[in-house]
Amino acid sequence: MKTALMKFFSGRVQKKTPVTRYQPLKEQLEQARNEWLSAQNYYDNVSDADLVDYAAYHIQAAEKKYTYLLKRARHEGLHSSPFE
């Protein structure tokens, strides 16, 4: 009885593939690199002393995010160069 029910429902139940909510890792890496370069550019062009501190922290945060994603990419076997 159980196998008959399983056969009956196996054709009717659709298997759902998991939906990823995040960008692919390669896109995240590219975005993080651009954020880091943007933060460096902002630091180079800021003149107010308070904003210099903010810009320095922003560079550090962007760099940490980028290095984290690089480590994750290496761990997952993704080989890419920003110069491609």
Protein backbone atom coordinates (compact mmCIF):
# COMPACT_ATOMS: atom_id res chain seq x y z
CA MET A 1 0.00 0.00 0.00
CA LYS A 2 2.75 2.42 0.96
CA THR A 3 4.73 1.79 -2.23
CA ALA A 4 1.61 2.24 -4.34
CA LEU A 5 0.99 5.62 -2.70
CA MET A 6 4.63 6.58 -3.20
CA LYS A 7 4.42 5.71 -6.90
CA PHE A 8 1.21 7.67 -7.26
CA PHE A 9 2.53 10.82 -5.59
CA SER A 10 6.08 10.64 -6.99
CA GLY A 11 4.83 11.70 -10.40
CA ARG A 12 2.66 14.47 -8.97
CA VAL A 13 5.03 16.13 -6.53
CA GLN A 14 7.47 18.49 -8.14
CA LYS A 15 10.90 18.67 -6.66
CA LYS A 16 11.81 22.26 -5.96
CA THR A 17 15.35 23.42 -6.52
CA PRO A 18 16.65 25.76 -3.86
CA VAL A 19 16.48 29.41 -4.81
CA THR A 20 19.63 31.37 -4.12
CA ARG A 21 19.03 34.82 -2.72
CA TYR A 22 22.55 36.02 -3.23
CA GLN A 23 24.56 37.03 -6.25
CA PRO A 24 27.02 34.48 -7.58
CA LEU A 25 30.34 34.65 -5.79
CA LYS A 26 32.18 35.99 -8.82
CA GLU A 27 29.79 38.97 -8.98
CA GLN A 28 30.13 39.55 -5.24
CA LEU A 29 33.91 39.60 -5.64
CA GLU A 30 33.74 42.11 -8.45
CA GLN A 31 31.37 44.33 -6.49
CA ALA A 32 33.53 44.14 -3.35
CA ARG A 33 36.63 45.05 -5.33
CA ASN A 34 34.84 48.03 -6.86
CA GLU A 35 33.67 49.15 -3.40
CA TRP A 36 37.25 48.93 -2.13
CA LEU A 37 38.60 50.96 -5.05
CA SER A 38 35.79 53.49 -4.59
CA ALA A 39 36.63 53.82 -0.88
CA GLN A 40 40.28 54.43 -1.73
CA ASN A 41 39.28 57.08 -4.26
CA TYR A 42 37.04 58.75 -1.70
CA TYR A 43 39.90 58.81 0.81
CA ASP A 44 42.18 60.43 -1.76
CA ASN A 45 39.66 63.20 -2.45
CA VAL A 46 38.25 64.00 0.99
CA SER A 47 39.41 67.15 2.79
CA ASP A 48 37.47 67.39 6.07
CA ALA A 49 39.31 65.84 9.05
CA ASP A 50 36.21 64.01 10.29
CA LEU A 51 35.57 62.57 6.85
CA VAL A 52 39.18 61.40 6.60
CA ASP A 53 38.55 59.15 9.61
CA TYR A 54 35.34 57.86 8.04
CA ALA A 55 37.11 57.23 4.74
CA ALA A 56 39.89 55.28 6.48
CA TYR A 57 37.37 53.05 8.26
CA HIS A 58 35.47 52.59 5.00
CA ILE A 59 38.66 51.42 3.26
CA GLN A 60 39.37 48.94 6.05
CA ALA A 61 35.84 47.55 5.96
CA ALA A 62 35.84 47.22 2.17
CA GLU A 63 39.25 45.54 2.23
CA LYS A 64 38.12 43.03 4.87
CA LYS A 65 35.02 42.19 2.84
CA TYR A 66 37.08 41.70 -0.32
CA THR A 67 39.69 39.50 1.37
CA TYR A 68 36.92 37.42 2.98
CA LEU A 69 35.29 36.83 -0.40
CA LEU A 70 38.67 35.99 -1.95
CA LYS A 71 39.29 33.36 0.73
CA ARG A 72 35.81 31.96 0.21
CA ALA A 73 36.34 31.84 -3.56
CA ARG A 74 39.65 30.01 -3.17
CA HIS A 75 38.02 27.57 -0.77
CA GLU A 76 35.28 26.88 -3.32
CA GLY A 77 37.82 26.49 -6.10
CA LEU A 78 36.91 29.63 -8.03
CA HIS A 79 39.87 30.91 -10.02
CA SER A 80 39.47 34.38 -11.41
CA SER A 81 41.51 37.49 -12.00
CA PRO A 82 40.25 41.07 -11.84
CA PHE A 83 42.40 41.75 -14.89
CA GLU A 84 40.47 39.43 -17.22
